[in-house]
Amino acid sequence: YLPQIEKLKTKYPEFQIAIHTALVDDVMALRLDSSGIDV
């Protein structure tokens, strides 16, 4: 879903996305961040 999240945030930067991450490591945390997740 991350490419679609990135497209969505690029098109609608004001649209806020808060995500339940569950357990993540450094790599996944950075991938979520780079997709544009806000919280």
All heavy atoms as atom14 arrays in JSON, in Angstrom:
{
  "sequence": "YLPQIEKLKTKYPEFQIAIHTALVDDVMALRLDSSGIDV",
  "atom14_mask": [
    [1, 1, 1, 1, 1, 1, 1, 1, 1, 1, 1, 1, 0, 0],
    [1, 1, 1, 1, 1, 1, 1, 1, 0, 0, 0, 0, 0, 0],
    [1, 1, 1, 1, 1, 1, 1, 0, 0, 0, 0, 0, 0, 0],
    [1, 1, 1, 1, 1, 1, 1, 1, 1, 0, 0, 0, 0, 0],
    [1, 1, 1, 1, 1, 1, 1, 1, 0, 0, 0, 0, 0, 0],
    [1, 1, 1, 1, 1, 1, 1, 1, 1, 0, 0, 0, 0, 0],
    [1, 1, 1, 1, 1, 1, 1, 1, 1, 0, 0, 0, 0, 0],
    [1, 1, 1, 1, 1, 1, 1, 1, 0, 0, 0, 0, 0, 0],
    [1, 1, 1, 1, 1, 1, 1, 1, 1, 0, 0, 0, 0, 0],
    [1, 1, 1, 1, 1, 1, 1, 0, 0, 0, 0, 0, 0, 0],
    [1, 1, 1, 1, 1, 1, 1, 1, 1, 0, 0, 0, 0, 0],
    [1, 1, 1, 1, 1, 1, 1, 1, 1, 1, 1, 1, 0, 0],
    [1, 1, 1, 1, 1, 1, 1, 0, 0, 0, 0, 0, 0, 0],
    [1, 1, 1, 1, 1, 1, 1, 1, 1, 0, 0, 0, 0, 0],
    [1, 1, 1, 1, 1, 1, 1, 1, 1, 1, 1, 0, 0, 0],
    [1, 1, 1, 1, 1, 1, 1, 1, 1, 0, 0, 0, 0, 0],
    [1, 1, 1, 1, 1, 1, 1, 1, 0, 0, 0, 0, 0, 0],
    [1, 1, 1, 1, 1, 0, 0, 0, 0, 0, 0, 0, 0, 0],
    [1, 1, 1, 1, 1, 1, 1, 1, 0, 0, 0, 0, 0, 0],
    [1, 1, 1, 1, 1, 1, 1, 1, 1, 1, 0, 0, 0, 0],
    [1, 1, 1, 1, 1, 1, 1, 0, 0, 0, 0, 0, 0, 0],
    [1, 1, 1, 1, 1, 0, 0, 0, 0, 0, 0, 0, 0, 0],
    [1, 1, 1, 1, 1, 1, 1, 1, 0, 0, 0, 0, 0, 0],
    [1, 1, 1, 1, 1, 1, 1, 0, 0, 0, 0, 0, 0, 0],
    [1, 1, 1, 1, 1, 1, 1, 1, 0, 0, 0, 0, 0, 0],
    [1, 1, 1, 1, 1, 1, 1, 1, 0, 0, 0, 0, 0, 0],
    [1, 1, 1, 1, 1, 1, 1, 0, 0, 0, 0, 0, 0, 0],
    [1, 1, 1, 1, 1, 1, 1, 1, 0, 0, 0, 0, 0, 0],
    [1, 1, 1, 1, 1, 0, 0, 0, 0, 0, 0, 0, 0, 0],
    [1, 1, 1, 1, 1, 1, 1, 1, 0, 0, 0, 0, 0, 0],
    [1, 1, 1, 1, 1, 1, 1, 1, 1, 1, 1, 0, 0, 0],
    [1, 1, 1, 1, 1, 1, 1, 1, 0, 0, 0, 0, 0, 0],
    [1, 1, 1, 1, 1, 1, 1, 1, 0, 0, 0, 0, 0, 0],
    [1, 1, 1, 1, 1, 1, 0, 0, 0, 0, 0, 0, 0, 0],
    [1, 1, 1, 1, 1, 1, 0, 0, 0, 0, 0, 0, 0, 0],
    [1, 1, 1, 1, 0, 0, 0, 0, 0, 0, 0, 0, 0, 0],
    [1, 1, 1, 1, 1, 1, 1, 1, 0, 0, 0, 0, 0, 0],
    [1, 1, 1, 1, 1, 1, 1, 1, 0, 0, 0, 0, 0, 0],
    [1, 1, 1, 1, 1, 1, 1, 0, 0, 0, 0, 0, 0, 0]
  ],
  "atom14_positions": [
    [[0.81, -1.22, 0.0], [0.0, 0.0, 0.0], [0.84, 1.27, 0.0], [0.31, 2.36, -0.27], [-0.92, 0.02, 1.23], [-2.01, -1.02, 1.17], [-1.74, -2.36, 1.47], [-3.3, -0.68, 0.83], [-2.73, -3.33, 1.41], [-4.31, -1.64, 0.76], [-4.01, -2.96, 1.05], [-4.99, -3.91, 0.98], [0.0, 0.0, 0.0], [0.0, 0.0, 0.0]],
    [[2.12, 1.16, 0.29], [2.93, 2.36, 0.46], [3.03, 3.22, -0.8], [2.97, 4.46, -0.71], [4.33, 1.98, 0.98], [4.33, 1.3, 2.36], [5.77, 1.03, 2.81], [3.6, 2.14, 3.4], [0.0, 0.0, 0.0], [0.0, 0.0, 0.0], [0.0, 0.0, 0.0], [0.0, 0.0, 0.0], [0.0, 0.0, 0.0], [0.0, 0.0, 0.0]],
    [[3.17, 2.64, -2.0], [3.19, 3.52, -3.19], [1.9, 4.31, -3.35], [1.93, 5.49, -3.75], [3.39, 2.52, -4.35], [4.06, 1.34, -3.73], [3.47, 1.24, -2.36], [0.0, 0.0, 0.0], [0.0, 0.0, 0.0], [0.0, 0.0, 0.0], [0.0, 0.0, 0.0], [0.0, 0.0, 0.0], [0.0, 0.0, 0.0], [0.0, 0.0, 0.0]],
    [[0.75, 3.7, -3.05], [-0.52, 4.41, -3.17], [-0.66, 5.49, -2.1], [-1.21, 6.56, -2.35], [-1.69, 3.42, -3.06], [-1.71, 2.34, -4.13], [-2.1, 2.88, -5.5], [-1.86, 4.03, -5.83], [-2.71, 2.03, -6.31], [0.0, 0.0, 0.0], [0.0, 0.0, 0.0], [0.0, 0.0, 0.0], [0.0, 0.0, 0.0], [0.0, 0.0, 0.0]],
    [[-0.17, 5.2, -0.89], [-0.18, 6.21, 0.16], [0.66, 7.41, -0.27], [0.26, 8.57, -0.09], [0.34, 5.62, 1.49], [-0.67, 4.61, 2.03], [0.6, 6.72, 2.51], [-0.17, 3.81, 3.23], [0.0, 0.0, 0.0], [0.0, 0.0, 0.0], [0.0, 0.0, 0.0], [0.0, 0.0, 0.0], [0.0, 0.0, 0.0], [0.0, 0.0, 0.0]],
    [[1.83, 7.13, -0.88], [2.7, 8.22, -1.32], [2.02, 9.06, -2.41], [2.07, 10.3, -2.39], [4.02, 7.65, -1.83], [5.04, 8.72, -2.16], [6.41, 8.14, -2.46], [6.57, 6.9, -2.46], [7.33, 8.94, -2.69], [0.0, 0.0, 0.0], [0.0, 0.0, 0.0], [0.0, 0.0, 0.0], [0.0, 0.0, 0.0], [0.0, 0.0, 0.0]],
    [[1.34, 8.39, -3.35], [0.62, 9.12, -4.4], [-0.48, 9.99, -3.79], [-0.67, 11.15, -4.18], [-0.01, 8.14, -5.4], [0.97, 7.46, -6.32], [0.22, 6.49, -7.24], [1.18, 5.66, -8.07], [0.45, 4.65, -8.9], [0.0, 0.0, 0.0], [0.0, 0.0, 0.0], [0.0, 0.0, 0.0], [0.0, 0.0, 0.0], [0.0, 0.0, 0.0]],
    [[-1.19, 9.43, -2.84], [-2.29, 10.14, -2.2], [-1.78, 11.37, -1.46], [-2.35, 12.47, -1.58], [-3.01, 9.2, -1.22], [-4.33, 9.68, -0.64], [-5.42, 9.68, -1.71], [-4.74, 8.78, 0.53], [0.0, 0.0, 0.0], [0.0, 0.0, 0.0], [0.0, 0.0, 0.0], [0.0, 0.0, 0.0], [0.0, 0.0, 0.0], [0.0, 0.0, 0.0]],
    [[-0.69, 11.22, -0.72], [-0.15, 12.35, 0.05], [0.47, 13.4, -0.86], [0.48, 14.59, -0.52], [0.87, 11.85, 1.07], [0.25, 11.1, 2.23], [-0.6, 12.02, 3.11], [0.27, 13.05, 3.82], [-0.55, 13.91, 4.73], [0.0, 0.0, 0.0], [0.0, 0.0, 0.0], [0.0, 0.0, 0.0], [0.0, 0.0, 0.0], [0.0, 0.0, 0.0]],
    [[0.98, 12.99, -2.02], [1.51, 13.95, -2.97], [0.4, 14.79, -3.57], [0.52, 16.01, -3.73], [2.28, 13.22, -4.09], [3.36, 12.48, -3.5], [2.85, 14.21, -5.09], [0.0, 0.0, 0.0], [0.0, 0.0, 0.0], [0.0, 0.0, 0.0], [0.0, 0.0, 0.0], [0.0, 0.0, 0.0], [0.0, 0.0, 0.0], [0.0, 0.0, 0.0]],
    [[-0.72, 14.14, -3.87], [-1.86, 14.83, -4.48], [-2.65, 15.64, -3.47], [-3.16, 16.73, -3.77], [-2.77, 13.8, -5.15], [-3.88, 14.41, -6.0], [-4.64, 13.32, -6.75], [-5.75, 13.9, -7.61], [-6.49, 12.82, -8.32], [0.0, 0.0, 0.0], [0.0, 0.0, 0.0], [0.0, 0.0, 0.0], [0.0, 0.0, 0.0], [0.0, 0.0, 0.0]],
    [[-2.77, 15.12, -2.24], [-3.56, 15.78, -1.19], [-2.7, 15.91, 0.07], [-2.9, 15.19, 1.05], [-4.81, 14.98, -0.86], [-5.7, 14.68, -2.04], [-5.7, 13.42, -2.65], [-6.56, 15.65, -2.55], [-6.51, 13.14, -3.72], [-7.39, 15.38, -3.64], [-7.35, 14.12, -4.22], [-8.17, 13.84, -5.29], [0.0, 0.0, 0.0], [0.0, 0.0, 0.0]],
    [[-1.73, 16.81, 0.09], [-0.8, 16.88, 1.22], [-1.47, 17.23, 2.55], [-0.93, 16.91, 3.61], [0.2, 17.97, 0.8], [-0.48, 18.74, -0.28], [-1.38, 17.78, -0.97], [0.0, 0.0, 0.0], [0.0, 0.0, 0.0], [0.0, 0.0, 0.0], [0.0, 0.0, 0.0], [0.0, 0.0, 0.0], [0.0, 0.0, 0.0], [0.0, 0.0, 0.0]],
    [[-2.62, 17.88, 2.5], [-3.3, 18.25, 3.74], [-4.1, 17.09, 4.35], [-4.55, 17.18, 5.49], [-4.25, 19.43, 3.5], [-3.56, 20.69, 3.02], [-2.47, 21.15, 3.98], [-2.76, 21.22, 5.19], [-1.34, 21.41, 3.53], [0.0, 0.0, 0.0], [0.0, 0.0, 0.0], [0.0, 0.0, 0.0], [0.0, 0.0, 0.0], [0.0, 0.0, 0.0]],
    [[-4.3, 16.04, 3.58], [-5.05, 14.87, 4.05], [-4.19, 14.12, 5.06], [-3.1, 13.65, 4.74], [-5.41, 13.98, 2.86], [-6.34, 12.85, 3.18], [-7.67, 13.1, 3.49], [-5.91, 11.53, 3.15], [-8.55, 12.06, 3.77], [-6.77, 10.49, 3.42], [-8.1, 10.76, 3.73], [0.0, 0.0, 0.0], [0.0, 0.0, 0.0], [0.0, 0.0, 0.0]],
    [[-4.68, 14.0, 6.29], [-3.89, 13.42, 7.37], [-4.09, 11.91, 7.44], [-5.22, 11.42, 7.35], [-4.3, 14.04, 8.7], [-4.09, 15.53, 8.8], [-2.64, 15.87, 9.08], [-2.06, 15.4, 10.05], [-2.05, 16.68, 8.22], [0.0, 0.0, 0.0], [0.0, 0.0, 0.0], [0.0, 0.0, 0.0], [0.0, 0.0, 0.0], [0.0, 0.0, 0.0]],
    [[-2.99, 11.18, 7.6], [-3.07, 9.73, 7.75], [-2.39, 9.34, 9.06], [-1.19, 9.54, 9.24], [-2.42, 8.98, 6.57], [-3.11, 9.35, 5.26], [-2.49, 7.47, 6.81], [-2.51, 8.68, 4.04], [0.0, 0.0, 0.0], [0.0, 0.0, 0.0], [0.0, 0.0, 0.0], [0.0, 0.0, 0.0], [0.0, 0.0, 0.0], [0.0, 0.0, 0.0]],
    [[-3.19, 8.8, 9.97], [-2.68, 8.24, 11.22], [-2.76, 6.72, 11.09], [-3.8, 6.18, 10.75], [-3.51, 8.72, 12.41], [0.0, 0.0, 0.0], [0.0, 0.0, 0.0], [0.0, 0.0, 0.0], [0.0, 0.0, 0.0], [0.0, 0.0, 0.0], [0.0, 0.0, 0.0], [0.0, 0.0, 0.0], [0.0, 0.0, 0.0], [0.0, 0.0, 0.0]],
    [[-1.66, 6.05, 11.35], [-1.58, 4.62, 11.06], [-1.26, 3.82, 12.31], [-0.44, 4.23, 13.14], [-0.52, 4.36, 9.96], [-0.59, 2.94, 9.43], [0.88, 4.68, 10.46], [0.26, 2.72, 8.18], [0.0, 0.0, 0.0], [0.0, 0.0, 0.0], [0.0, 0.0, 0.0], [0.0, 0.0, 0.0], [0.0, 0.0, 0.0], [0.0, 0.0, 0.0]],
    [[-1.96, 2.68, 12.48], [-1.59, 1.72, 13.5], [-0.46, 0.87, 12.92], [-0.7, 0.05, 12.04], [-2.78, 0.83, 13.87], [-3.72, 1.45, 14.84], [-5.07, 1.53, 14.64], [-3.49, 2.03, 16.05], [-5.65, 2.12, 15.67], [-4.72, 2.45, 16.53], [0.0, 0.0, 0.0], [0.0, 0.0, 0.0], [0.0, 0.0, 0.0], [0.0, 0.0, 0.0]],
    [[0.75, 1.05, 13.39], [1.89, 0.4, 12.77], [2.04, -1.06, 13.17], [2.59, -1.85, 12.42], [3.21, 1.1, 13.14], [3.47, 0.94, 14.54], [3.15, 2.58, 12.78], [0.0, 0.0, 0.0], [0.0, 0.0, 0.0], [0.0, 0.0, 0.0], [0.0, 0.0, 0.0], [0.0, 0.0, 0.0], [0.0, 0.0, 0.0], [0.0, 0.0, 0.0]],
    [[1.56, -1.45, 14.37], [1.95, -2.71, 15.02], [3.48, -2.69, 15.18], [4.09, -1.61, 15.24], [1.45, -3.91, 14.24], [0.0, 0.0, 0.0], [0.0, 0.0, 0.0], [0.0, 0.0, 0.0], [0.0, 0.0, 0.0], [0.0, 0.0, 0.0], [0.0, 0.0, 0.0], [0.0, 0.0, 0.0], [0.0, 0.0, 0.0], [0.0, 0.0, 0.0]],
    [[4.13, -3.85, 15.24], [5.58, -3.87, 15.46], [6.31, -3.6, 14.15], [5.96, -4.16, 13.11], [6.01, -5.22, 16.04], [5.5, -5.53, 17.45], [6.01, -6.9, 17.91], [5.91, -4.46, 18.44], [0.0, 0.0, 0.0], [0.0, 0.0, 0.0], [0.0, 0.0, 0.0], [0.0, 0.0, 0.0], [0.0, 0.0, 0.0], [0.0, 0.0, 0.0]],
    [[7.33, -2.76, 14.23], [8.15, -2.44, 13.05], [9.62, -2.39, 13.47], [9.94, -2.24, 14.65], [7.76, -1.09, 12.41], [6.34, -1.11, 11.87], [7.94, 0.07, 13.39], [0.0, 0.0, 0.0], [0.0, 0.0, 0.0], [0.0, 0.0, 0.0], [0.0, 0.0, 0.0], [0.0, 0.0, 0.0], [0.0, 0.0, 0.0], [0.0, 0.0, 0.0]],
    [[10.5, -2.52, 12.46], [11.92, -2.29, 12.68], [12.31, -0.96, 12.04], [11.46, -0.23, 11.51], [12.76, -3.45, 12.13], [12.51, -3.7, 10.64], [11.9, -2.83, 9.96], [12.91, -4.77, 10.14], [0.0, 0.0, 0.0], [0.0, 0.0, 0.0], [0.0, 0.0, 0.0], [0.0, 0.0, 0.0], [0.0, 0.0, 0.0], [0.0, 0.0, 0.0]],
    [[13.59, -0.63, 12.06], [14.05, 0.65, 11.51], [13.67, 0.8, 10.04], [13.24, 1.87, 9.61], [15.58, 0.76, 11.64], [16.03, 1.1, 13.05], [15.17, 1.29, 13.93], [17.26, 1.18, 13.27], [0.0, 0.0, 0.0], [0.0, 0.0, 0.0], [0.0, 0.0, 0.0], [0.0, 0.0, 0.0], [0.0, 0.0, 0.0], [0.0, 0.0, 0.0]],
    [[13.84, -0.28, 9.28], [13.61, -0.22, 7.84], [12.14, 0.09, 7.55], [11.8, 0.98, 6.76], [14.04, -1.53, 7.15], [13.62, -1.53, 5.68], [15.54, -1.72, 7.28], [0.0, 0.0, 0.0], [0.0, 0.0, 0.0], [0.0, 0.0, 0.0], [0.0, 0.0, 0.0], [0.0, 0.0, 0.0], [0.0, 0.0, 0.0], [0.0, 0.0, 0.0]],
    [[11.22, -0.64, 8.2], [9.8, -0.43, 7.95], [9.35, 0.93, 8.45], [8.53, 1.6, 7.8], [8.99, -1.54, 8.61], [7.51, -1.51, 8.23], [7.26, -1.72, 6.43], [5.52, -1.42, 6.28], [0.0, 0.0, 0.0], [0.0, 0.0, 0.0], [0.0, 0.0, 0.0], [0.0, 0.0, 0.0], [0.0, 0.0, 0.0], [0.0, 0.0, 0.0]],
    [[9.89, 1.36, 9.58], [9.53, 2.68, 10.1], [9.9, 3.77, 9.09], [9.11, 4.69, 8.84], [10.22, 2.92, 11.44], [0.0, 0.0, 0.0], [0.0, 0.0, 0.0], [0.0, 0.0, 0.0], [0.0, 0.0, 0.0], [0.0, 0.0, 0.0], [0.0, 0.0, 0.0], [0.0, 0.0, 0.0], [0.0, 0.0, 0.0], [0.0, 0.0, 0.0]],
    [[11.06, 3.66, 8.51], [11.5, 4.66, 7.53], [10.67, 4.59, 6.25], [10.41, 5.61, 5.61], [12.99, 4.48, 7.22], [13.93, 4.88, 8.36], [15.36, 4.44, 8.05], [13.89, 6.4, 8.6], [0.0, 0.0, 0.0], [0.0, 0.0, 0.0], [0.0, 0.0, 0.0], [0.0, 0.0, 0.0], [0.0, 0.0, 0.0], [0.0, 0.0, 0.0]],
    [[10.25, 3.39, 5.88], [9.4, 3.26, 4.68], [8.04, 3.9, 4.9], [7.49, 4.56, 4.01], [9.25, 1.79, 4.31], [10.56, 1.15, 3.82], [10.39, -0.31, 3.51], [9.61, -0.51, 2.28], [9.22, -1.69, 1.83], [9.51, -2.77, 2.53], [8.54, -1.79, 0.72], [0.0, 0.0, 0.0], [0.0, 0.0, 0.0], [0.0, 0.0, 0.0]],
    [[7.47, 3.7, 6.07], [6.2, 4.36, 6.4], [6.37, 5.87, 6.36], [5.54, 6.61, 5.81], [5.71, 3.92, 7.78], [5.27, 2.46, 7.93], [5.03, 2.14, 9.4], [4.02, 2.18, 7.11], [0.0, 0.0, 0.0], [0.0, 0.0, 0.0], [0.0, 0.0, 0.0], [0.0, 0.0, 0.0], [0.0, 0.0, 0.0], [0.0, 0.0, 0.0]],
    [[7.47, 6.33, 6.93], [7.75, 7.77, 6.98], [7.88, 8.35, 5.57], [7.28, 9.38, 5.24], [9.03, 7.99, 7.77], [9.34, 9.46, 8.02], [8.4, 10.28, 7.94], [10.5, 9.78, 8.3], [0.0, 0.0, 0.0], [0.0, 0.0, 0.0], [0.0, 0.0, 0.0], [0.0, 0.0, 0.0], [0.0, 0.0, 0.0], [0.0, 0.0, 0.0]],
    [[8.64, 7.67, 4.71], [8.88, 8.2, 3.37], [7.64, 8.19, 2.5], [7.55, 8.92, 1.51], [10.02, 7.43, 2.69], [9.67, 6.08, 2.51], [0.0, 0.0, 0.0], [0.0, 0.0, 0.0], [0.0, 0.0, 0.0], [0.0, 0.0, 0.0], [0.0, 0.0, 0.0], [0.0, 0.0, 0.0], [0.0, 0.0, 0.0], [0.0, 0.0, 0.0]],
    [[6.65, 7.35, 2.86], [5.4, 7.33, 2.09], [4.52, 8.53, 2.4], [3.57, 8.81, 1.66], [4.63, 6.04, 2.36], [4.03, 6.06, 3.63], [0.0, 0.0, 0.0], [0.0, 0.0, 0.0], [0.0, 0.0, 0.0], [0.0, 0.0, 0.0], [0.0, 0.0, 0.0], [0.0, 0.0, 0.0], [0.0, 0.0, 0.0], [0.0, 0.0, 0.0]],
    [[4.81, 9.22, 3.49], [4.04, 10.42, 3.83], [3.11, 10.28, 5.02], [2.32, 11.19, 5.29], [0.0, 0.0, 0.0], [0.0, 0.0, 0.0], [0.0, 0.0, 0.0], [0.0, 0.0, 0.0], [0.0, 0.0, 0.0], [0.0, 0.0, 0.0], [0.0, 0.0, 0.0], [0.0, 0.0, 0.0], [0.0, 0.0, 0.0], [0.0, 0.0, 0.0]],
    [[3.18, 9.15, 5.73], [2.34, 8.96, 6.91], [2.61, 10.1, 7.9], [3.75, 10.48, 8.15], [2.64, 7.61, 7.57], [2.3, 6.45, 6.63], [1.9, 7.48, 8.9], [0.84, 6.26, 6.37], [0.0, 0.0, 0.0], [0.0, 0.0, 0.0], [0.0, 0.0, 0.0], [0.0, 0.0, 0.0], [0.0, 0.0, 0.0], [0.0, 0.0, 0.0]],
    [[1.55, 10.62, 8.5], [1.69, 11.75, 9.43], [1.92, 11.3, 10.87], [2.75, 11.88, 11.58], [0.43, 12.63, 9.38], [0.21, 13.21, 7.99], [0.91, 14.17, 7.66], [-0.65, 12.69, 7.25], [0.0, 0.0, 0.0], [0.0, 0.0, 0.0], [0.0, 0.0, 0.0], [0.0, 0.0, 0.0], [0.0, 0.0, 0.0], [0.0, 0.0, 0.0]],
    [[1.15, 10.3, 11.31], [1.18, 9.88, 12.71], [1.28, 8.37, 12.79], [0.55, 7.65, 12.1], [-0.09, 10.34, 13.46], [-0.06, 9.88, 14.91], [-0.23, 11.86, 13.4], [0.0, 0.0, 0.0], [0.0, 0.0, 0.0], [0.0, 0.0, 0.0], [0.0, 0.0, 0.0], [0.0, 0.0, 0.0], [0.0, 0.0, 0.0], [0.0, 0.0, 0.0]]
  ]
}
